[in-house]
Amino acid sequence: MSTIAVTQAAAPLGLALLRLLDADPAVTRIVALDTQPPSLQSPKLKFFEADSQGPLRSGLEKYKVTRVVHLDLLCAAPTEAALRRHNVGGSVSFLTACLAAQTVEMAILLSSTLVYGGQPGDPIPVREDAPLRPHALPFAQHCQEIERQCQTYRDRYPQMKINVARLAPVTGAQPEHFVWQGLRTPAAALGQINPALQFVHVEDAARALHSLIGSDASDTYNIAADDSISLREAWQQLGTRPPGLGAALLQLAQRLPAGQLETWRSGWLAHNGKFKQAFDFTYRYTSAQALTTLAPTA
């Protein structure tokens, strides 16, 4: 695998992936691309200050990077325009930098299992070949757009492999994700629903990305735990008091942001068999275990 670069390397998911890369004898050098150095000391590790809007190409060219993992995906921002600029604009800049660097053989980008936008009658859990329907949640819209950009690059530049990892909400690594707000301080509108929820432990997510890095794949995969847990079971594990029946009367006064209530109602269960079969991968944590283990940081 030679030289591997990771954006947002100092964040929890990036740090978990760096540790796996550091222990991998096939990796000779790791380049951490971030605005701050990661808390990992290793003779393999090089830090290059950059973000999705910064001089990524310079870092890739300087260290002759062959494979890159783009983890710089935000679930929330002060405005929708800022979120789109960071996620969609940043991902396009990342792909452009990878192509311009010429040494990059593979790029891996993050997406979300929220892209499916469940509709009544859709098969559950959802497989990767299911159509991506219109979605009211801005973050899901941005992930869909990122995936379309990835497919455009695959079609135009087949010399560079591009993998998309559709992650279920990552416990302990996505504090800004709306799901954690709904689990810890639920809005009244959630009091009358009980969808099945699916998560992925940060260590399982990092292991899956590590498997992708060492492969010859160029595809899209769901990365999610084998099981699901209901919203009320999740509240119970976290010690959260769910909204009572009377709270339903407050729905008009306590509206959730665009698309969130629809997303909660439909859930986001994804079929993970494609990745498991392709990489002989076993998840170490169930959704319930991941949530319990990382409850303090959720």
C-alpha atoms as a PDB file:
ATOM      1  CA  MET A   1       0.000   0.000   0.000  1.00  0.00           C
ATOM      2  CA  SER A   2       2.977   2.291   0.448  1.00  0.00           C
ATOM      3  CA  THR A   3       1.985   5.873   1.403  1.00  0.00           C
ATOM      4  CA  ILE A   4      -1.524   6.501   2.759  1.00  0.00           C
ATOM      5  CA  ALA A   5      -3.016   9.931   3.477  1.00  0.00           C
ATOM      6  CA  VAL A   6      -5.999  10.619   5.733  1.00  0.00           C
ATOM      7  CA  THR A   7      -7.930  13.881   5.937  1.00  0.00           C
ATOM      8  CA  GLN A   8      -9.390  14.975   9.290  1.00  0.00           C
ATOM      9  CA  ALA A   9      -6.847  12.615  10.787  1.00  0.00           C
ATOM     10  CA  ALA A  10      -6.937  14.158  14.265  1.00  0.00           C
ATOM     11  CA  ALA A  11     -10.651  13.394  14.776  1.00  0.00           C
ATOM     12  CA  PRO A  12     -11.740  10.163  16.539  1.00  0.00           C
ATOM     13  CA  LEU A  13     -12.384   8.157  13.364  1.00  0.00           C
ATOM     14  CA  GLY A  14      -9.199   9.421  11.748  1.00  0.00           C
ATOM     15  CA  LEU A  15      -7.148   8.579  14.821  1.00  0.00           C
ATOM     16  CA  ALA A  16      -8.596   5.060  14.995  1.00  0.00           C
ATOM     17  CA  LEU A  17      -7.677   4.552  11.334  1.00  0.00           C
ATOM     18  CA  LEU A  18      -4.161   5.941  11.839  1.00  0.00           C
ATOM     19  CA  ARG A  19      -3.523   3.371  14.549  1.00  0.00           C
ATOM     20  CA  LEU A  20      -4.505   0.535  12.227  1.00  0.00           C
ATOM     21  CA  LEU A  21      -2.326   1.915   9.443  1.00  0.00           C
ATOM     22  CA  ASP A  22       0.582   2.324  11.843  1.00  0.00           C
ATOM     23  CA  ALA A  23       0.352  -1.360  12.792  1.00  0.00           C
ATOM     24  CA  ASP A  24       0.110  -2.459   9.148  1.00  0.00           C
ATOM     25  CA  PRO A  25       3.536  -3.569   7.801  1.00  0.00           C
ATOM     26  CA  ALA A  26       2.358  -2.927   4.233  1.00  0.00           C
ATOM     27  CA  VAL A  27       2.094   0.795   4.983  1.00  0.00           C
ATOM     28  CA  THR A  28       5.451   2.540   4.794  1.00  0.00           C
ATOM     29  CA  ARG A  29       4.276   6.119   5.427  1.00  0.00           C
ATOM     30  CA  ILE A  30       1.130   7.809   6.768  1.00  0.00           C
ATOM     31  CA  VAL A  31       0.295  11.434   5.976  1.00  0.00           C
ATOM     32  CA  ALA A  32      -2.125  13.151   8.344  1.00  0.00           C
ATOM     33  CA  LEU A  33      -3.928  15.966   6.521  1.00  0.00           C
ATOM     34  CA  ASP A  34      -5.649  18.185   9.070  1.00  0.00           C
ATOM     35  CA  THR A  35      -5.572  21.613  10.664  1.00  0.00           C
ATOM     36  CA  GLN A  36      -3.983  20.140  13.800  1.00  0.00           C
ATOM     37  CA  PRO A  37      -1.637  17.174  14.317  1.00  0.00           C
ATOM     38  CA  PRO A  38      -3.149  13.916  15.588  1.00  0.00           C
ATOM     39  CA  SER A  39      -2.305  12.577  19.040  1.00  0.00           C
ATOM     40  CA  LEU A  40      -0.273   9.688  17.661  1.00  0.00           C
ATOM     41  CA  GLN A  41       3.497   9.397  17.715  1.00  0.00           C
ATOM     42  CA  SER A  42       4.974   7.167  15.042  1.00  0.00           C
ATOM     43  CA  PRO A  43       8.065   7.206  12.814  1.00  0.00           C
ATOM     44  CA  LYS A  44       5.701   6.428   9.917  1.00  0.00           C
ATOM     45  CA  LEU A  45       3.554   9.490  10.500  1.00  0.00           C
ATOM     46  CA  LYS A  46       3.966  12.829   8.731  1.00  0.00           C
ATOM     47  CA  PHE A  47       1.720  15.805   9.428  1.00  0.00           C
ATOM     48  CA  PHE A  48       0.726  18.231   6.674  1.00  0.00           C
ATOM     49  CA  GLU A  49      -1.496  21.141   7.625  1.00  0.00           C
ATOM     50  CA  ALA A  50      -4.470  21.241   5.267  1.00  0.00           C
ATOM     51  CA  ASP A  51      -8.232  20.859   5.138  1.00  0.00           C
ATOM     52  CA  SER A  52     -10.748  20.160   2.397  1.00  0.00           C
ATOM     53  CA  GLN A  53     -10.504  23.764   1.221  1.00  0.00           C
ATOM     54  CA  GLY A  54      -6.728  23.954   1.627  1.00  0.00           C
ATOM     55  CA  PRO A  55      -3.558  22.800  -0.150  1.00  0.00           C
ATOM     56  CA  LEU A  56      -4.357  19.093  -0.300  1.00  0.00           C
ATOM     57  CA  ARG A  57      -2.598  18.652  -3.624  1.00  0.00           C
ATOM     58  CA  SER A  58       0.672  19.980  -2.197  1.00  0.00           C
ATOM     59  CA  GLY A  59       0.605  17.408   0.600  1.00  0.00           C
ATOM     60  CA  LEU A  60      -0.233  14.559  -1.759  1.00  0.00           C
ATOM     61  CA  GLU A  61       2.535  15.534  -4.166  1.00  0.00           C
ATOM     62  CA  LYS A  62       5.133  16.183  -1.468  1.00  0.00           C
ATOM     63  CA  TYR A  63       4.852  12.660  -0.043  1.00  0.00           C
ATOM     64  CA  LYS A  64       3.913  10.864  -3.291  1.00  0.00           C
ATOM     65  CA  VAL A  65       0.724   9.536  -1.735  1.00  0.00           C
ATOM     66  CA  THR A  66      -0.781   6.478  -3.426  1.00  0.00           C
ATOM     67  CA  ARG A  67      -4.063   6.065  -1.501  1.00  0.00           C
ATOM     68  CA  VAL A  68      -6.179   8.635   0.305  1.00  0.00           C
ATOM     69  CA  VAL A  69      -9.108   8.467   2.736  1.00  0.00           C
ATOM     70  CA  HIS A  70     -11.288  11.573   2.934  1.00  0.00           C
ATOM     71  CA  LEU A  71     -12.930  11.747   6.362  1.00  0.00           C
ATOM     72  CA  ASP A  72     -13.667  15.491   6.343  1.00  0.00           C
ATOM     73  CA  LEU A  73     -17.457  15.216   6.246  1.00  0.00           C
ATOM     74  CA  LEU A  74     -19.583  17.315   8.599  1.00  0.00           C
ATOM     75  CA  CYS A  75     -23.072  16.393   9.755  1.00  0.00           C
ATOM     76  CA  ALA A  76     -23.977  19.952  10.772  1.00  0.00           C
ATOM     77  CA  ALA A  77     -22.828  23.544  10.278  1.00  0.00           C
ATOM     78  CA  PRO A  78     -24.116  27.028  11.203  1.00  0.00           C
ATOM     79  CA  THR A  79     -25.952  27.282   7.875  1.00  0.00           C
ATOM     80  CA  GLU A  80     -27.010  24.878   5.160  1.00  0.00           C
ATOM     81  CA  ALA A  81     -24.897  26.817   2.661  1.00  0.00           C
ATOM     82  CA  ALA A  82     -21.829  26.388   4.864  1.00  0.00           C
ATOM     83  CA  LEU A  83     -22.539  22.668   5.262  1.00  0.00           C
ATOM     84  CA  ARG A  84     -22.883  22.189   1.508  1.00  0.00           C
ATOM     85  CA  ARG A  85     -19.752  24.214   0.828  1.00  0.00           C
ATOM     86  CA  HIS A  86     -17.754  22.114   3.250  1.00  0.00           C
ATOM     87  CA  ASN A  87     -19.101  18.692   2.276  1.00  0.00           C
ATOM     88  CA  VAL A  88     -19.823  18.927  -1.441  1.00  0.00           C
ATOM     89  CA  GLY A  89     -17.294  21.603  -2.328  1.00  0.00           C
ATOM     90  CA  GLY A  90     -14.660  20.003  -0.139  1.00  0.00           C
ATOM     91  CA  SER A  91     -15.199  16.560  -1.664  1.00  0.00           C
ATOM     92  CA  VAL A  92     -14.931  17.920  -5.207  1.00  0.00           C
ATOM     93  CA  SER A  93     -11.737  19.762  -4.248  1.00  0.00           C
ATOM     94  CA  PHE A  94     -10.425  16.554  -2.725  1.00  0.00           C
ATOM     95  CA  LEU A  95     -11.093  14.507  -5.868  1.00  0.00           C
ATOM     96  CA  THR A  96      -9.543  17.210  -8.032  1.00  0.00           C
ATOM     97  CA  ALA A  97      -6.434  17.255  -5.849  1.00  0.00           C
ATOM     98  CA  CYS A  98      -6.126  13.458  -5.997  1.00  0.00           C
ATOM     99  CA  LEU A  99      -6.340  13.481  -9.774  1.00  0.00           C
ATOM    100  CA  ALA A 100      -3.898  16.373 -10.145  1.00  0.00           C
ATOM    101  CA  ALA A 101      -1.344  14.741  -7.839  1.00  0.00           C
ATOM    102  CA  GLN A 102      -1.033  11.875 -10.377  1.00  0.00           C
ATOM    103  CA  THR A 103       0.439   9.426  -7.858  1.00  0.00           C
ATOM    104  CA  VAL A 104      -2.953   8.657  -6.242  1.00  0.00           C
ATOM    105  CA  GLU A 105      -4.274   5.237  -7.245  1.00  0.00           C
ATOM    106  CA  MET A 106      -7.301   5.119  -4.935  1.00  0.00           C
ATOM    107  CA  ALA A 107      -9.531   7.578  -3.109  1.00  0.00           C
ATOM    108  CA  ILE A 108     -12.069   6.675  -0.419  1.00  0.00           C
ATOM    109  CA  LEU A 109     -14.830   9.097   0.502  1.00  0.00           C
ATOM    110  CA  LEU A 110     -17.467   8.996   3.216  1.00  0.00           C
ATOM    111  CA  SER A 111     -21.204   9.067   2.683  1.00  0.00           C
ATOM    112  CA  SER A 112     -24.075   8.033   4.916  1.00  0.00           C
ATOM    113  CA  THR A 113     -26.746   5.365   5.078  1.00  0.00           C
ATOM    114  CA  LEU A 114     -29.155   8.315   5.262  1.00  0.00           C
ATOM    115  CA  VAL A 115     -28.853   8.723   1.481  1.00  0.00           C
ATOM    116  CA  TYR A 116     -31.559   6.146   0.808  1.00  0.00           C
ATOM    117  CA  GLY A 117     -34.483   8.230   2.017  1.00  0.00           C
ATOM    118  CA  GLY A 118     -36.801   5.368   2.956  1.00  0.00           C
ATOM    119  CA  GLN A 119     -40.246   5.289   1.386  1.00  0.00           C
ATOM    120  CA  PRO A 120     -43.261   3.111   2.256  1.00  0.00           C
ATOM    121  CA  GLY A 121     -42.890  -0.248   0.544  1.00  0.00           C
ATOM    122  CA  ASP A 122     -39.102  -0.057   0.172  1.00  0.00           C
ATOM    123  CA  PRO A 123     -37.223  -3.239   1.165  1.00  0.00           C
ATOM    124  CA  ILE A 124     -35.645  -3.043   4.603  1.00  0.00           C
ATOM    125  CA  PRO A 125     -32.714  -3.199   5.182  1.00  0.00           C
ATOM    126  CA  VAL A 126     -31.673  -1.310   2.043  1.00  0.00           C
ATOM    127  CA  ARG A 127     -28.999  -2.633  -0.320  1.00  0.00           C
ATOM    128  CA  GLU A 128     -26.441  -0.537  -2.164  1.00  0.00           C
ATOM    129  CA  ASP A 129     -28.179  -0.896  -5.521  1.00  0.00           C
ATOM    130  CA  ALA A 130     -31.410   0.699  -4.250  1.00  0.00           C
ATOM    131  CA  PRO A 131     -32.313   4.020  -5.910  1.00  0.00           C
ATOM    132  CA  LEU A 132     -31.396   7.189  -4.045  1.00  0.00           C
ATOM    133  CA  ARG A 133     -34.739   8.921  -3.673  1.00  0.00           C
ATOM    134  CA  PRO A 134     -35.296  12.644  -3.001  1.00  0.00           C
ATOM    135  CA  HIS A 135     -34.490  13.468   0.609  1.00  0.00           C
ATOM    136  CA  ALA A 136     -35.580  16.409   2.764  1.00  0.00           C
ATOM    137  CA  LEU A 137     -32.537  16.271   5.053  1.00  0.00           C
ATOM    138  CA  PRO A 138     -29.786  18.650   3.801  1.00  0.00           C
ATOM    139  CA  PHE A 139     -26.955  16.393   5.005  1.00  0.00           C
ATOM    140  CA  ALA A 140     -28.423  13.450   3.087  1.00  0.00           C
ATOM    141  CA  GLN A 141     -28.847  15.639   0.003  1.00  0.00           C
ATOM    142  CA  HIS A 142     -25.189  16.599   0.189  1.00  0.00           C
ATOM    143  CA  CYS A 143     -24.111  12.966   0.528  1.00  0.00           C
ATOM    144  CA  GLN A 144     -26.165  12.086  -2.542  1.00  0.00           C
ATOM    145  CA  GLU A 145     -24.449  14.875  -4.456  1.00  0.00           C
ATOM    146  CA  ILE A 146     -21.018  13.702  -3.294  1.00  0.00           C
ATOM    147  CA  GLU A 147     -21.829  10.214  -4.556  1.00  0.00           C
ATOM    148  CA  ARG A 148     -22.869  11.591  -7.944  1.00  0.00           C
ATOM    149  CA  GLN A 149     -19.565  13.435  -8.168  1.00  0.00           C
ATOM    150  CA  CYS A 150     -17.714  10.228  -7.308  1.00  0.00           C
ATOM    151  CA  GLN A 151     -19.494   8.384 -10.106  1.00  0.00           C
ATOM    152  CA  THR A 152     -18.626  11.172 -12.546  1.00  0.00           C
ATOM    153  CA  TYR A 153     -14.952  10.847 -11.638  1.00  0.00           C
ATOM    154  CA  ARG A 154     -15.121   7.058 -11.961  1.00  0.00           C
ATOM    155  CA  ASP A 155     -16.552   7.404 -15.467  1.00  0.00           C
ATOM    156  CA  ARG A 156     -14.122  10.082 -16.629  1.00  0.00           C
ATOM    157  CA  TYR A 157     -10.935   8.930 -14.907  1.00  0.00           C
ATOM    158  CA  PRO A 158     -10.953   5.119 -14.629  1.00  0.00           C
ATOM    159  CA  GLN A 159      -7.235   5.123 -13.801  1.00  0.00           C
ATOM    160  CA  MET A 160      -8.128   6.197 -10.232  1.00  0.00           C
ATOM    161  CA  LYS A 161     -10.232   3.830  -8.121  1.00  0.00           C
ATOM    162  CA  ILE A 162     -12.921   5.567  -6.060  1.00  0.00           C
ATOM    163  CA  ASN A 163     -14.703   3.908  -3.147  1.00  0.00           C
ATOM    164  CA  VAL A 164     -17.653   5.314  -1.226  1.00  0.00           C
ATOM    165  CA  ALA A 165     -18.286   4.161   2.351  1.00  0.00           C
ATOM    166  CA  ARG A 166     -21.884   4.744   3.401  1.00  0.00           C
ATOM    167  CA  LEU A 167     -21.539   4.843   7.167  1.00  0.00           C
ATOM    168  CA  ALA A 168     -24.314   4.384   9.660  1.00  0.00           C
ATOM    169  CA  PRO A 169     -24.083   7.009  12.435  1.00  0.00           C
ATOM    170  CA  VAL A 170     -20.686   6.458  14.051  1.00  0.00           C
ATOM    171  CA  THR A 171     -20.884   6.324  17.825  1.00  0.00           C
ATOM    172  CA  GLY A 172     -18.298   8.549  19.464  1.00  0.00           C
ATOM    173  CA  ALA A 173     -17.028  10.103  16.229  1.00  0.00           C
ATOM    174  CA  GLN A 174     -19.855  12.347  14.967  1.00  0.00           C
ATOM    175  CA  PRO A 175     -20.915  14.540  17.917  1.00  0.00           C
ATOM    176  CA  GLU A 176     -22.700  17.009  15.614  1.00  0.00           C
ATOM    177  CA  HIS A 177     -24.938  14.308  14.074  1.00  0.00           C
ATOM    178  CA  PHE A 178     -28.614  15.091  14.714  1.00  0.00           C
ATOM    179  CA  VAL A 179     -29.218  11.520  15.899  1.00  0.00           C
ATOM    180  CA  TRP A 180     -27.200  12.097  19.086  1.00  0.00           C
ATOM    181  CA  GLN A 181     -29.271  15.172  19.900  1.00  0.00           C
ATOM    182  CA  GLY A 182     -32.431  13.152  19.446  1.00  0.00           C
ATOM    183  CA  LEU A 183     -31.118  10.404  21.700  1.00  0.00           C
ATOM    184  CA  ARG A 184     -29.861  12.620  24.522  1.00  0.00           C
ATOM    185  CA  THR A 185     -32.363  15.507  24.463  1.00  0.00           C
ATOM    186  CA  PRO A 186     -35.293  14.267  22.380  1.00  0.00           C
ATOM    187  CA  ALA A 187     -37.709  16.728  20.846  1.00  0.00           C
ATOM    188  CA  ALA A 188     -41.387  16.353  21.691  1.00  0.00           C
ATOM    189  CA  ALA A 189     -42.082  15.331  18.104  1.00  0.00           C
ATOM    190  CA  LEU A 190     -40.225  12.057  18.707  1.00  0.00           C
ATOM    191  CA  GLY A 191     -42.545  10.993  21.512  1.00  0.00           C
ATOM    192  CA  GLN A 192     -44.970   9.094  19.308  1.00  0.00           C
ATOM    193  CA  ILE A 193     -42.565   7.108  17.113  1.00  0.00           C
ATOM    194  CA  ASN A 194     -40.229   4.197  17.741  1.00  0.00           C
ATOM    195  CA  PRO A 195     -38.108   3.511  14.635  1.00  0.00           C
ATOM    196  CA  ALA A 196     -35.387   0.881  14.382  1.00  0.00           C
ATOM    197  CA  LEU A 197     -31.942   2.505  14.423  1.00  0.00           C
ATOM    198  CA  GLN A 198     -28.589   1.205  13.229  1.00  0.00           C
ATOM    199  CA  PHE A 199     -25.142   2.411  14.258  1.00  0.00           C
ATOM    200  CA  VAL A 200     -21.510   1.504  13.727  1.00  0.00           C
ATOM    201  CA  HIS A 201     -18.789   1.564  16.362  1.00  0.00           C
ATOM    202  CA  VAL A 202     -15.882   3.860  15.535  1.00  0.00           C
ATOM    203  CA  GLU A 203     -13.453   0.928  15.720  1.00  0.00           C
ATOM    204  CA  ASP A 204     -15.539  -1.137  13.284  1.00  0.00           C
ATOM    205  CA  ALA A 205     -15.770   1.851  10.941  1.00  0.00           C
ATOM    206  CA  ALA A 206     -11.985   2.283  11.042  1.00  0.00           C
ATOM    207  CA  ARG A 207     -11.418  -1.434  10.420  1.00  0.00           C
ATOM    208  CA  ALA A 208     -13.743  -1.339   7.427  1.00  0.00           C
ATOM    209  CA  LEU A 209     -11.917   1.658   5.942  1.00  0.00           C
ATOM    210  CA  HIS A 210      -8.597  -0.082   6.520  1.00  0.00           C
ATOM    211  CA  SER A 211      -9.866  -3.105   4.610  1.00  0.00           C
ATOM    212  CA  LEU A 212     -10.918  -0.868   1.719  1.00  0.00           C
ATOM    213  CA  ILE A 213      -7.529   0.839   1.599  1.00  0.00           C
ATOM    214  CA  GLY A 214      -5.736  -2.449   1.019  1.00  0.00           C
ATOM    215  CA  SER A 215      -8.085  -3.628  -1.718  1.00  0.00           C
ATOM    216  CA  ASP A 216      -8.431  -3.185  -5.472  1.00  0.00           C
ATOM    217  CA  ALA A 217     -12.090  -2.222  -5.154  1.00  0.00           C
ATOM    218  CA  SER A 218     -13.823   0.741  -6.761  1.00  0.00           C
ATOM    219  CA  ASP A 219     -17.384   0.572  -5.490  1.00  0.00           C
ATOM    220  CA  THR A 220     -19.942   1.721  -2.903  1.00  0.00           C
ATOM    221  CA  TYR A 221     -20.507  -0.130   0.374  1.00  0.00           C
ATOM    222  CA  ASN A 222     -22.802   0.109   3.386  1.00  0.00           C
ATOM    223  CA  ILE A 223     -20.845   0.123   6.643  1.00  0.00           C
ATOM    224  CA  ALA A 224     -23.226  -0.629   9.507  1.00  0.00           C
ATOM    225  CA  ALA A 225     -23.632  -3.029  12.409  1.00  0.00           C
ATOM    226  CA  ASP A 226     -25.424  -6.339  11.922  1.00  0.00           C
ATOM    227  CA  ASP A 227     -28.375  -5.443  14.119  1.00  0.00           C
ATOM    228  CA  SER A 228     -30.633  -2.555  15.010  1.00  0.00           C
ATOM    229  CA  ILE A 229     -32.020  -1.093  18.197  1.00  0.00           C
ATOM    230  CA  SER A 230     -35.308   0.715  18.662  1.00  0.00           C
ATOM    231  CA  LEU A 231     -35.381   4.380  19.580  1.00  0.00           C
ATOM    232  CA  ARG A 232     -36.952   3.635  22.947  1.00  0.00           C
ATOM    233  CA  GLU A 233     -34.382   0.939  23.697  1.00  0.00           C
ATOM    234  CA  ALA A 234     -31.652   3.446  22.855  1.00  0.00           C
ATOM    235  CA  TRP A 235     -33.192   5.989  25.211  1.00  0.00           C
ATOM    236  CA  GLN A 236     -33.274   3.360  27.933  1.00  0.00           C
ATOM    237  CA  GLN A 237     -29.599   2.497  27.449  1.00  0.00           C
ATOM    238  CA  LEU A 238     -28.612   6.155  27.584  1.00  0.00           C
ATOM    239  CA  GLY A 239     -30.811   6.901  30.569  1.00  0.00           C
ATOM    240  CA  THR A 240     -32.837   9.396  28.562  1.00  0.00           C
ATOM    241  CA  ARG A 241     -36.399  10.141  29.573  1.00  0.00           C
ATOM    242  CA  PRO A 242     -38.550   9.912  26.428  1.00  0.00           C
ATOM    243  CA  PRO A 243     -41.223  12.532  25.723  1.00  0.00           C
ATOM    244  CA  GLY A 244     -44.574  11.539  27.204  1.00  0.00           C
ATOM    245  CA  LEU A 245     -47.918  11.414  25.462  1.00  0.00           C
ATOM    246  CA  GLY A 246     -48.701  14.962  26.488  1.00  0.00           C
ATOM    247  CA  ALA A 247     -45.570  16.212  24.792  1.00  0.00           C
ATOM    248  CA  ALA A 248     -47.110  15.426  21.421  1.00  0.00           C
ATOM    249  CA  LEU A 249     -49.215  18.573  21.849  1.00  0.00           C
ATOM    250  CA  LEU A 250     -46.017  20.604  21.663  1.00  0.00           C
ATOM    251  CA  GLN A 251     -45.102  19.425  18.176  1.00  0.00           C
ATOM    252  CA  LEU A 252     -46.302  22.590  16.486  1.00  0.00           C
ATOM    253  CA  ALA A 253     -44.215  24.692  18.851  1.00  0.00           C
ATOM    254  CA  GLN A 254     -41.170  22.473  18.776  1.00  0.00           C
ATOM    255  CA  ARG A 255     -40.517  21.675  15.144  1.00  0.00           C
ATOM    256  CA  LEU A 256     -37.461  19.749  14.106  1.00  0.00           C
ATOM    257  CA  PRO A 257     -35.195  21.156  11.376  1.00  0.00           C
ATOM    258  CA  ALA A 258     -35.957  20.295   7.757  1.00  0.00           C
ATOM    259  CA  GLY A 259     -36.131  16.589   7.058  1.00  0.00           C
ATOM    260  CA  GLN A 260     -35.306  15.334  10.538  1.00  0.00           C
ATOM    261  CA  LEU A 261     -38.746  14.114  11.607  1.00  0.00           C
ATOM    262  CA  GLU A 262     -39.241  12.325   8.270  1.00  0.00           C
ATOM    263  CA  THR A 263     -35.845  10.683   8.681  1.00  0.00           C
ATOM    264  CA  TRP A 264     -36.604   9.538  12.208  1.00  0.00           C
ATOM    265  CA  ARG A 265     -39.921   8.079  11.088  1.00  0.00           C
ATOM    266  CA  SER A 266     -38.465   6.115   8.178  1.00  0.00           C
ATOM    267  CA  GLY A 267     -35.295   4.972   9.956  1.00  0.00           C
ATOM    268  CA  TRP A 268     -32.109   4.157   8.083  1.00  0.00           C
ATOM    269  CA  LEU A 269     -31.470   0.422   8.163  1.00  0.00           C
ATOM    270  CA  ALA A 270     -28.855  -0.632   5.603  1.00  0.00           C
ATOM    271  CA  HIS A 271     -27.917  -4.121   4.436  1.00  0.00           C
ATOM    272  CA  ASN A 272     -24.232  -4.746   5.196  1.00  0.00           C
ATOM    273  CA  GLY A 273     -23.788  -8.109   3.440  1.00  0.00           C
ATOM    274  CA  LYS A 274     -22.039  -6.801   0.338  1.00  0.00           C
ATOM    275  CA  PHE A 275     -19.047  -5.493   2.290  1.00  0.00           C
ATOM    276  CA  LYS A 276     -18.948  -8.455   4.662  1.00  0.00           C
ATOM    277  CA  GLN A 277     -18.822 -10.920   1.783  1.00  0.00           C
ATOM    278  CA  ALA A 278     -16.332  -8.975  -0.332  1.00  0.00           C
ATOM    279  CA  PHE A 279     -13.859  -8.501   2.521  1.00  0.00           C
ATOM    280  CA  ASP A 280     -14.684 -11.427   4.821  1.00  0.00           C
ATOM    281  CA  PHE A 281     -15.450  -8.765   7.411  1.00  0.00           C
ATOM    282  CA  THR A 282     -16.962  -9.358  10.842  1.00  0.00           C
ATOM    283  CA  TYR A 283     -18.384  -6.572  12.961  1.00  0.00           C
ATOM    284  CA  ARG A 284     -17.188  -6.722  16.535  1.00  0.00           C
ATOM    285  CA  TYR A 285     -19.937  -4.506  17.956  1.00  0.00           C
ATOM    286  CA  THR A 286     -23.696  -4.599  17.614  1.00  0.00           C
ATOM    287  CA  SER A 287     -25.617  -1.333  17.441  1.00  0.00           C
ATOM    288  CA  ALA A 288     -26.607  -1.772  21.075  1.00  0.00           C
ATOM    289  CA  GLN A 289     -23.033  -2.495  22.193  1.00  0.00           C
ATOM    290  CA  ALA A 290     -21.658   0.464  20.286  1.00  0.00           C
ATOM    291  CA  LEU A 291     -24.204   2.770  21.824  1.00  0.00           C
ATOM    292  CA  THR A 292     -23.653   1.459  25.345  1.00  0.00           C
ATOM    293  CA  THR A 293     -19.859   1.494  25.090  1.00  0.00           C
ATOM    294  CA  LEU A 294     -19.698   5.082  23.877  1.00  0.00           C
ATOM    295  CA  ALA A 295     -22.731   6.510  25.621  1.00  0.00           C
ATOM    296  CA  PRO A 296     -20.738   9.233  27.496  1.00  0.00           C
ATOM    297  CA  THR A 297     -19.476  10.690  24.208  1.00  0.00           C
ATOM    298  CA  ALA A 298     -22.665  10.207  22.204  1.00  0.00           C
END
